[in-house]
Amino acid sequence: MQKITTFLWFDGQAEEAMNHYISIFQNAKVLSLTRWPKGHPLEGKVLVASFELDGVPFLALNGGPQYKFTEAISLSIDCKTQAEVDHFWARLTEGGGEPGPCGWLKDKFGVSWQVVPEQLPRLLQDPDRAKAGRVMEAMMQMGKIEIGKLEEAAKG
């Protein structure tokens, strides 16, 4: 059993968010749904949704309007190819999401994500600090990360 699970607080959108995320990730599934009991004003609506994205468990609560998501915490997606970066970027910004700088975005529910190609940390950690600096400068000009542009910057 995994000891740590990401718990997301929504204002009535937990099931919609879960279904959206499950449609984006290939290896994803609903684990369980807990609905409000009979007699409650929200009877039958989802209280807690439990789901998994690429083996990582999540809980989504319909907790109400008290709390909002901020960029102070984000979910990071490691991508192997530009096609993967493009897929996650497009799907997570669709329907009202907001692209941000340096591979960050907010989805239509306000959850912050980082879409990161595996090449980025390797290039930023290159022992040639001038090379790493050029990559950093290139990344700072990007919204969605473009692997080809990072590699061009690394070459100089």
N, C-alpha and C. Protein backbone atom coordinates (compact mmCIF):
# COMPACT_ATOMS: atom_id res chain seq x y z
N MET A 1 0.84 -1.18 0.00
CA MET A 1 0.00 0.00 0.00
C MET A 1 0.88 1.24 0.00
N GLN A 2 0.58 2.18 -0.89
CA GLN A 2 1.32 3.43 -0.94
C GLN A 2 0.96 4.29 0.25
N LYS A 3 1.95 4.92 0.88
CA LYS A 3 1.72 5.71 2.08
C LYS A 3 1.23 7.12 1.79
N ILE A 4 1.59 7.67 0.64
CA ILE A 4 1.23 9.05 0.34
C ILE A 4 0.35 9.07 -0.90
N THR A 5 -0.78 9.76 -0.80
CA THR A 5 -1.71 9.92 -1.91
C THR A 5 -2.04 11.40 -2.06
N THR A 6 -2.00 11.89 -3.28
CA THR A 6 -2.38 13.28 -3.54
C THR A 6 -3.89 13.41 -3.37
N PHE A 7 -4.29 14.40 -2.58
CA PHE A 7 -5.70 14.63 -2.27
C PHE A 7 -6.06 16.01 -2.82
N LEU A 8 -6.99 16.05 -3.76
CA LEU A 8 -7.37 17.29 -4.44
C LEU A 8 -8.77 17.73 -4.00
N TRP A 9 -8.92 18.99 -3.65
CA TRP A 9 -10.18 19.56 -3.16
C TRP A 9 -10.85 20.33 -4.30
N PHE A 10 -12.05 19.91 -4.67
CA PHE A 10 -12.81 20.56 -5.73
C PHE A 10 -14.10 21.14 -5.18
N ASP A 11 -14.68 22.03 -5.91
CA ASP A 11 -15.98 22.62 -5.57
C ASP A 11 -17.03 22.04 -6.51
N GLY A 12 -17.40 20.78 -6.28
CA GLY A 12 -18.44 20.14 -7.08
C GLY A 12 -17.96 19.53 -8.38
N GLN A 13 -16.66 19.54 -8.66
CA GLN A 13 -16.14 19.07 -9.94
C GLN A 13 -15.26 17.82 -9.82
N ALA A 14 -15.28 17.16 -8.70
CA ALA A 14 -14.37 16.03 -8.48
C ALA A 14 -14.55 14.93 -9.53
N GLU A 15 -15.78 14.54 -9.77
CA GLU A 15 -16.01 13.45 -10.74
C GLU A 15 -15.66 13.89 -12.15
N GLU A 16 -16.01 15.11 -12.52
CA GLU A 16 -15.67 15.64 -13.84
C GLU A 16 -14.15 15.70 -14.01
N ALA A 17 -13.45 16.19 -12.99
CA ALA A 17 -11.99 16.28 -13.06
C ALA A 17 -11.38 14.89 -13.20
N MET A 18 -11.83 13.94 -12.37
CA MET A 18 -11.32 12.59 -12.44
C MET A 18 -11.51 12.02 -13.85
N ASN A 19 -12.70 12.16 -14.40
CA ASN A 19 -12.97 11.64 -15.74
C ASN A 19 -12.11 12.31 -16.80
N HIS A 20 -11.88 13.61 -16.63
CA HIS A 20 -11.02 14.33 -17.57
C HIS A 20 -9.59 13.79 -17.50
N TYR A 21 -9.05 13.65 -16.30
CA TYR A 21 -7.68 13.16 -16.14
C TYR A 21 -7.55 11.73 -16.66
N ILE A 22 -8.54 10.90 -16.39
CA ILE A 22 -8.49 9.51 -16.86
C ILE A 22 -8.51 9.43 -18.39
N SER A 23 -9.18 10.40 -19.03
CA SER A 23 -9.21 10.42 -20.50
C SER A 23 -7.87 10.85 -21.10
N ILE A 24 -7.03 11.49 -20.32
CA ILE A 24 -5.75 12.02 -20.81
C ILE A 24 -4.63 11.00 -20.67
N PHE A 25 -4.59 10.28 -19.56
CA PHE A 25 -3.51 9.33 -19.29
C PHE A 25 -3.91 7.94 -19.76
N GLN A 26 -3.02 7.28 -20.52
CA GLN A 26 -3.32 5.94 -21.04
C GLN A 26 -3.54 4.92 -19.94
N ASN A 27 -2.68 4.93 -18.96
CA ASN A 27 -2.74 3.95 -17.89
C ASN A 27 -3.46 4.59 -16.69
N ALA A 28 -4.79 4.64 -16.77
CA ALA A 28 -5.56 5.32 -15.73
C ALA A 28 -6.84 4.55 -15.46
N LYS A 29 -7.31 4.65 -14.22
CA LYS A 29 -8.55 3.94 -13.89
C LYS A 29 -9.20 4.54 -12.65
N VAL A 30 -10.52 4.37 -12.59
CA VAL A 30 -11.30 4.73 -11.41
C VAL A 30 -11.13 3.59 -10.41
N LEU A 31 -10.83 3.94 -9.17
CA LEU A 31 -10.71 2.93 -8.13
C LEU A 31 -12.01 2.79 -7.35
N SER A 32 -12.60 3.94 -6.99
CA SER A 32 -13.88 3.89 -6.27
C SER A 32 -14.53 5.27 -6.26
N LEU A 33 -15.82 5.27 -6.04
CA LEU A 33 -16.59 6.50 -5.87
C LEU A 33 -17.41 6.39 -4.60
N THR A 34 -17.33 7.39 -3.76
CA THR A 34 -18.16 7.46 -2.55
C THR A 34 -19.17 8.58 -2.79
N ARG A 35 -20.43 8.22 -2.71
CA ARG A 35 -21.48 9.21 -2.98
C ARG A 35 -22.14 9.67 -1.68
N TRP A 36 -22.71 10.87 -1.73
CA TRP A 36 -23.45 11.37 -0.57
C TRP A 36 -24.62 10.43 -0.30
N PRO A 37 -24.91 10.14 0.96
CA PRO A 37 -25.96 9.17 1.31
C PRO A 37 -27.38 9.73 1.10
N LYS A 38 -28.30 8.80 1.11
CA LYS A 38 -29.72 9.13 0.99
C LYS A 38 -30.11 10.11 2.11
N GLY A 39 -30.89 11.11 1.74
CA GLY A 39 -31.36 12.09 2.70
C GLY A 39 -30.47 13.33 2.78
N HIS A 40 -29.25 13.25 2.28
CA HIS A 40 -28.37 14.41 2.27
C HIS A 40 -28.78 15.32 1.11
N PRO A 41 -28.65 16.64 1.24
CA PRO A 41 -29.03 17.54 0.14
C PRO A 41 -28.29 17.23 -1.17
N LEU A 42 -27.12 16.64 -1.10
CA LEU A 42 -26.36 16.28 -2.31
C LEU A 42 -26.46 14.79 -2.62
N GLU A 43 -27.51 14.16 -2.13
CA GLU A 43 -27.72 12.71 -2.30
C GLU A 43 -27.37 12.26 -3.71
N GLY A 44 -26.55 11.21 -3.79
CA GLY A 44 -26.19 10.60 -5.06
C GLY A 44 -25.00 11.24 -5.76
N LYS A 45 -24.67 12.46 -5.42
CA LYS A 45 -23.51 13.12 -6.04
C LYS A 45 -22.22 12.59 -5.39
N VAL A 46 -21.12 12.68 -6.13
CA VAL A 46 -19.85 12.17 -5.64
C VAL A 46 -19.33 13.04 -4.49
N LEU A 47 -18.97 12.38 -3.41
CA LEU A 47 -18.29 13.04 -2.29
C LEU A 47 -16.77 12.89 -2.50
N VAL A 48 -16.31 11.64 -2.71
CA VAL A 48 -14.89 11.37 -2.91
C VAL A 48 -14.74 10.41 -4.10
N ALA A 49 -13.82 10.76 -4.99
CA ALA A 49 -13.47 9.90 -6.12
C ALA A 49 -12.03 9.44 -5.92
N SER A 50 -11.81 8.16 -6.04
CA SER A 50 -10.48 7.59 -5.93
C SER A 50 -10.10 7.07 -7.31
N PHE A 51 -8.92 7.49 -7.80
CA PHE A 51 -8.50 7.08 -9.13
C PHE A 51 -6.98 6.99 -9.19
N GLU A 52 -6.51 6.44 -10.29
CA GLU A 52 -5.08 6.21 -10.46
C GLU A 52 -4.66 6.70 -11.84
N LEU A 53 -3.55 7.43 -11.91
CA LEU A 53 -2.95 7.88 -13.17
C LEU A 53 -1.54 7.34 -13.24
N ASP A 54 -1.28 6.47 -14.19
CA ASP A 54 0.04 5.85 -14.34
C ASP A 54 0.58 5.28 -13.04
N GLY A 55 -0.28 4.60 -12.31
CA GLY A 55 0.12 3.94 -11.08
C GLY A 55 0.15 4.83 -9.85
N VAL A 56 -0.15 6.12 -10.01
CA VAL A 56 -0.13 7.06 -8.88
C VAL A 56 -1.57 7.28 -8.41
N PRO A 57 -1.84 7.02 -7.13
CA PRO A 57 -3.21 7.19 -6.63
C PRO A 57 -3.53 8.65 -6.32
N PHE A 58 -4.79 9.00 -6.55
CA PHE A 58 -5.31 10.33 -6.25
C PHE A 58 -6.67 10.18 -5.58
N LEU A 59 -6.99 11.13 -4.73
CA LEU A 59 -8.33 11.27 -4.19
C LEU A 59 -8.82 12.65 -4.57
N ALA A 60 -10.08 12.73 -4.99
CA ALA A 60 -10.69 14.01 -5.32
C ALA A 60 -11.94 14.17 -4.47
N LEU A 61 -11.99 15.25 -3.73
CA LEU A 61 -13.09 15.53 -2.81
C LEU A 61 -13.92 16.69 -3.34
N ASN A 62 -15.23 16.55 -3.28
CA ASN A 62 -16.10 17.69 -3.52
C ASN A 62 -16.30 18.36 -2.17
N GLY A 63 -15.38 19.26 -1.84
CA GLY A 63 -15.35 19.86 -0.51
C GLY A 63 -16.03 21.20 -0.40
N GLY A 64 -16.34 21.82 -1.54
CA GLY A 64 -16.98 23.13 -1.50
C GLY A 64 -16.05 24.24 -1.92
N PRO A 65 -16.54 25.47 -1.84
CA PRO A 65 -15.80 26.63 -2.38
C PRO A 65 -14.75 27.23 -1.45
N GLN A 66 -14.52 26.66 -0.29
CA GLN A 66 -13.63 27.28 0.70
C GLN A 66 -12.18 27.40 0.22
N TYR A 67 -11.69 26.45 -0.55
CA TYR A 67 -10.28 26.43 -0.93
C TYR A 67 -10.14 26.39 -2.44
N LYS A 68 -9.10 27.05 -2.92
CA LYS A 68 -8.79 27.07 -4.36
C LYS A 68 -7.37 26.56 -4.56
N PHE A 69 -7.12 26.04 -5.74
CA PHE A 69 -5.77 25.59 -6.10
C PHE A 69 -4.89 26.81 -6.38
N THR A 70 -3.60 26.68 -6.08
CA THR A 70 -2.62 27.71 -6.43
C THR A 70 -1.41 27.03 -7.06
N GLU A 71 -0.54 27.85 -7.62
CA GLU A 71 0.69 27.32 -8.21
C GLU A 71 1.71 26.89 -7.16
N ALA A 72 1.37 27.07 -5.89
CA ALA A 72 2.30 26.68 -4.83
C ALA A 72 2.55 25.18 -4.82
N ILE A 73 1.67 24.43 -5.46
CA ILE A 73 1.89 22.99 -5.60
C ILE A 73 1.45 22.61 -7.01
N SER A 74 2.20 21.71 -7.62
CA SER A 74 1.87 21.29 -8.98
C SER A 74 2.14 19.80 -9.13
N LEU A 75 1.57 19.24 -10.18
CA LEU A 75 1.81 17.85 -10.53
C LEU A 75 2.72 17.85 -11.75
N SER A 76 3.81 17.12 -11.68
CA SER A 76 4.80 17.12 -12.76
C SER A 76 4.70 15.82 -13.55
N ILE A 77 4.67 15.97 -14.87
CA ILE A 77 4.58 14.82 -15.78
C ILE A 77 5.91 14.70 -16.52
N ASP A 78 6.58 13.58 -16.37
CA ASP A 78 7.83 13.33 -17.09
C ASP A 78 7.49 12.74 -18.45
N CYS A 79 8.00 13.37 -19.51
CA CYS A 79 7.70 12.94 -20.88
C CYS A 79 8.96 12.50 -21.60
N LYS A 80 8.85 11.47 -22.42
CA LYS A 80 9.99 10.95 -23.16
C LYS A 80 10.17 11.63 -24.51
N THR A 81 9.07 12.08 -25.12
CA THR A 81 9.14 12.61 -26.49
C THR A 81 8.38 13.93 -26.59
N GLN A 82 8.63 14.65 -27.70
CA GLN A 82 7.89 15.88 -27.95
C GLN A 82 6.41 15.57 -28.17
N ALA A 83 6.11 14.44 -28.78
CA ALA A 83 4.71 14.06 -28.99
C ALA A 83 3.99 13.91 -27.65
N GLU A 84 4.68 13.35 -26.68
CA GLU A 84 4.09 13.21 -25.34
C GLU A 84 3.89 14.59 -24.69
N VAL A 85 4.88 15.46 -24.79
CA VAL A 85 4.75 16.82 -24.27
C VAL A 85 3.54 17.50 -24.91
N ASP A 86 3.46 17.40 -26.24
CA ASP A 86 2.37 18.04 -26.98
C ASP A 86 1.01 17.50 -26.54
N HIS A 87 0.91 16.19 -26.36
CA HIS A 87 -0.35 15.57 -25.94
C HIS A 87 -0.82 16.10 -24.59
N PHE A 88 0.05 16.02 -23.59
CA PHE A 88 -0.34 16.46 -22.25
C PHE A 88 -0.62 17.96 -22.21
N TRP A 89 0.19 18.74 -22.91
CA TRP A 89 0.00 20.20 -22.93
C TRP A 89 -1.37 20.54 -23.53
N ALA A 90 -1.67 19.94 -24.67
CA ALA A 90 -2.94 20.22 -25.35
C ALA A 90 -4.13 19.77 -24.52
N ARG A 91 -4.08 18.56 -24.00
CA ARG A 91 -5.23 18.03 -23.26
C ARG A 91 -5.45 18.74 -21.94
N LEU A 92 -4.38 19.12 -21.27
CA LEU A 92 -4.54 19.77 -19.97
C LEU A 92 -4.90 21.26 -20.08
N THR A 93 -4.62 21.88 -21.22
CA THR A 93 -5.01 23.28 -21.38
C THR A 93 -6.36 23.42 -22.09
N GLU A 94 -6.88 22.33 -22.63
CA GLU A 94 -8.16 22.43 -23.37
C GLU A 94 -9.31 22.80 -22.44
N GLY A 95 -10.32 23.43 -23.00
CA GLY A 95 -11.54 23.70 -22.27
C GLY A 95 -11.42 24.77 -21.19
N GLY A 96 -10.45 25.65 -21.30
CA GLY A 96 -10.32 26.71 -20.32
C GLY A 96 -9.07 26.67 -19.48
N GLY A 97 -8.16 25.73 -19.78
CA GLY A 97 -6.88 25.73 -19.08
C GLY A 97 -6.04 26.92 -19.52
N GLU A 98 -4.98 27.19 -18.78
CA GLU A 98 -4.13 28.35 -19.07
C GLU A 98 -2.68 27.92 -19.20
N PRO A 99 -2.07 28.17 -20.38
CA PRO A 99 -0.65 27.89 -20.50
C PRO A 99 0.14 28.87 -19.63
N GLY A 100 1.24 28.40 -19.11
CA GLY A 100 2.11 29.24 -18.30
C GLY A 100 3.53 29.17 -18.83
N PRO A 101 4.47 29.76 -18.12
CA PRO A 101 5.86 29.75 -18.57
C PRO A 101 6.60 28.47 -18.19
N CYS A 102 7.63 28.17 -18.95
CA CYS A 102 8.61 27.13 -18.60
C CYS A 102 8.00 25.75 -18.37
N GLY A 103 7.00 25.39 -19.15
CA GLY A 103 6.41 24.07 -19.04
C GLY A 103 5.30 23.95 -18.02
N TRP A 104 4.93 25.05 -17.37
CA TRP A 104 3.86 25.04 -16.38
C TRP A 104 2.54 25.41 -17.04
N LEU A 105 1.45 24.89 -16.52
CA LEU A 105 0.12 25.24 -16.98
C LEU A 105 -0.87 25.03 -15.86
N LYS A 106 -2.05 25.60 -16.04
CA LYS A 106 -3.17 25.34 -15.14
C LYS A 106 -4.26 24.70 -15.98
N ASP A 107 -4.85 23.61 -15.48
CA ASP A 107 -5.95 23.00 -16.22
C ASP A 107 -7.25 23.76 -15.93
N LYS A 108 -8.33 23.33 -16.57
CA LYS A 108 -9.60 24.05 -16.44
C LYS A 108 -10.18 24.00 -15.03
N PHE A 109 -9.63 23.18 -14.17
CA PHE A 109 -10.09 23.10 -12.77
C PHE A 109 -9.22 23.94 -11.85
N GLY A 110 -8.14 24.50 -12.39
CA GLY A 110 -7.24 25.32 -11.60
C GLY A 110 -6.04 24.57 -11.03
N VAL A 111 -5.92 23.27 -11.35
CA VAL A 111 -4.78 22.47 -10.87
C VAL A 111 -3.56 22.81 -11.73
N SER A 112 -2.42 23.06 -11.09
CA SER A 112 -1.18 23.38 -11.79
C SER A 112 -0.42 22.09 -12.13
N TRP A 113 0.12 22.07 -13.34
CA TRP A 113 0.88 20.94 -13.85
C TRP A 113 2.19 21.45 -14.44
N GLN A 114 3.19 20.59 -14.45
CA GLN A 114 4.43 20.83 -15.18
C GLN A 114 4.57 19.69 -16.18
N VAL A 115 4.74 20.04 -17.44
CA VAL A 115 4.92 19.04 -18.50
C VAL A 115 6.39 19.13 -18.92
N VAL A 116 7.17 18.13 -18.50
CA VAL A 116 8.63 18.21 -18.57
C VAL A 116 9.22 17.07 -19.40
N PRO A 117 9.89 17.41 -20.51
CA PRO A 117 10.58 16.35 -21.24
C PRO A 117 11.81 15.88 -20.45
N GLU A 118 12.10 14.60 -20.53
CA GLU A 118 13.21 14.04 -19.75
C GLU A 118 14.55 14.68 -20.12
N GLN A 119 14.64 15.29 -21.29
CA GLN A 119 15.89 15.92 -21.71
C GLN A 119 16.19 17.18 -20.90
N LEU A 120 15.16 17.87 -20.40
CA LEU A 120 15.37 19.15 -19.73
C LEU A 120 16.27 19.05 -18.50
N PRO A 121 15.97 18.21 -17.52
CA PRO A 121 16.86 18.16 -16.36
C PRO A 121 18.29 17.73 -16.72
N ARG A 122 18.40 16.80 -17.67
CA ARG A 122 19.74 16.35 -18.09
C ARG A 122 20.53 17.52 -18.67
N LEU A 123 19.90 18.31 -19.54
CA LEU A 123 20.59 19.44 -20.15
C LEU A 123 20.89 20.54 -19.14
N LEU A 124 19.98 20.77 -18.20
CA LEU A 124 20.21 21.80 -17.18
C LEU A 124 21.30 21.41 -16.19
N GLN A 125 21.55 20.11 -16.06
CA GLN A 125 22.57 19.63 -15.13
C GLN A 125 23.90 19.31 -15.83
N ASP A 126 24.01 19.67 -17.09
CA ASP A 126 25.23 19.39 -17.84
C ASP A 126 26.43 20.02 -17.13
N PRO A 127 27.55 19.31 -17.03
CA PRO A 127 28.73 19.87 -16.38
C PRO A 127 29.27 21.12 -17.08
N ASP A 128 29.00 21.24 -18.38
CA ASP A 128 29.38 22.46 -19.12
C ASP A 128 28.36 23.53 -18.75
N ARG A 129 28.72 24.41 -17.82
CA ARG A 129 27.78 25.39 -17.28
C ARG A 129 27.32 26.41 -18.32
N ALA A 130 28.16 26.68 -19.35
CA ALA A 130 27.74 27.59 -20.42
C ALA A 130 26.61 26.94 -21.23
N LYS A 131 26.76 25.66 -21.49
CA LYS A 131 25.74 24.90 -22.20
C LYS A 131 24.44 24.89 -21.39
N ALA A 132 24.55 24.57 -20.11
CA ALA A 132 23.37 24.55 -19.24
C ALA A 132 22.72 25.93 -19.17
N GLY A 133 23.53 26.97 -19.18
CA GLY A 133 23.01 28.34 -19.14
C GLY A 133 22.23 28.68 -20.40
N ARG A 134 22.72 28.24 -21.55
CA ARG A 134 22.00 28.48 -22.81
C ARG A 134 20.66 27.75 -22.81
N VAL A 135 20.65 26.54 -22.27
CA VAL A 135 19.40 25.77 -22.18
C VAL A 135 18.42 26.47 -21.24
N MET A 136 18.91 26.94 -20.11
CA MET A 136 18.05 27.67 -19.16
C MET A 136 17.47 28.92 -19.83
N GLU A 137 18.29 29.66 -20.53
CA GLU A 137 17.82 30.87 -21.20
C GLU A 137 16.74 30.53 -22.24
N ALA A 138 16.95 29.46 -22.99
CA ALA A 138 15.96 29.05 -23.99
C ALA A 138 14.65 28.64 -23.31
N MET A 139 14.76 27.85 -22.24
CA MET A 139 13.56 27.40 -21.53
C MET A 139 12.77 28.58 -20.98
N MET A 140 13.46 29.60 -20.50
CA MET A 140 12.79 30.75 -19.90
C MET A 140 11.96 31.53 -20.93
N GLN A 141 12.20 31.29 -22.20
CA GLN A 141 11.44 31.96 -23.27
C GLN A 141 10.23 31.13 -23.71
N MET A 142 10.08 29.94 -23.17
CA MET A 142 9.05 29.01 -23.64
C MET A 142 7.85 28.96 -22.70
N GLY A 143 6.71 28.61 -23.28
CA GLY A 143 5.56 28.16 -22.51
C GLY A 143 5.70 26.64 -22.49
N LYS A 144 5.10 26.01 -23.52
CA LYS A 144 5.29 24.57 -23.70
C LYS A 144 6.75 24.35 -24.07
N ILE A 145 7.37 23.36 -23.47
CA ILE A 145 8.78 23.07 -23.72
C ILE A 145 8.93 22.39 -25.09
N GLU A 146 9.87 22.91 -25.88
CA GLU A 146 10.18 22.36 -27.20
C GLU A 146 11.56 21.72 -27.13
N ILE A 147 11.60 20.41 -27.20
CA ILE A 147 12.84 19.66 -27.05
C ILE A 147 13.88 20.10 -28.09
N GLY A 148 13.46 20.24 -29.34
CA GLY A 148 14.39 20.64 -30.41
C GLY A 148 15.08 21.96 -30.11
N LYS A 149 14.33 22.92 -29.60
CA LYS A 149 14.91 24.23 -29.27
C LYS A 149 15.88 24.13 -28.09
N LEU A 150 15.58 23.25 -27.14
CA LEU A 150 16.51 23.04 -26.02
C LEU A 150 17.82 22.45 -26.54
N GLU A 151 17.72 21.47 -27.43
CA GLU A 151 18.91 20.82 -27.96
C GLU A 151 19.73 21.78 -28.82
N GLU A 152 19.04 22.65 -29.60
CA GLU A 152 19.74 23.68 -30.37
C GLU A 152 20.51 24.61 -29.44
N ALA A 153 19.85 25.05 -28.37
CA ALA A 153 20.49 25.95 -27.40
C ALA A 153 21.72 25.27 -26.78
N ALA A 154 21.61 23.98 -26.50
CA ALA A 154 22.72 23.26 -25.88
C ALA A 154 23.94 23.23 -26.83
N LYS A 155 23.68 23.11 -28.12
CA LYS A 155 24.77 23.06 -29.10
C LYS A 155 25.44 24.43 -29.27
N GLY A 156 24.68 25.51 -28.97
CA GLY A 156 25.25 26.84 -29.08
C GLY A 156 25.01 27.46 -30.35
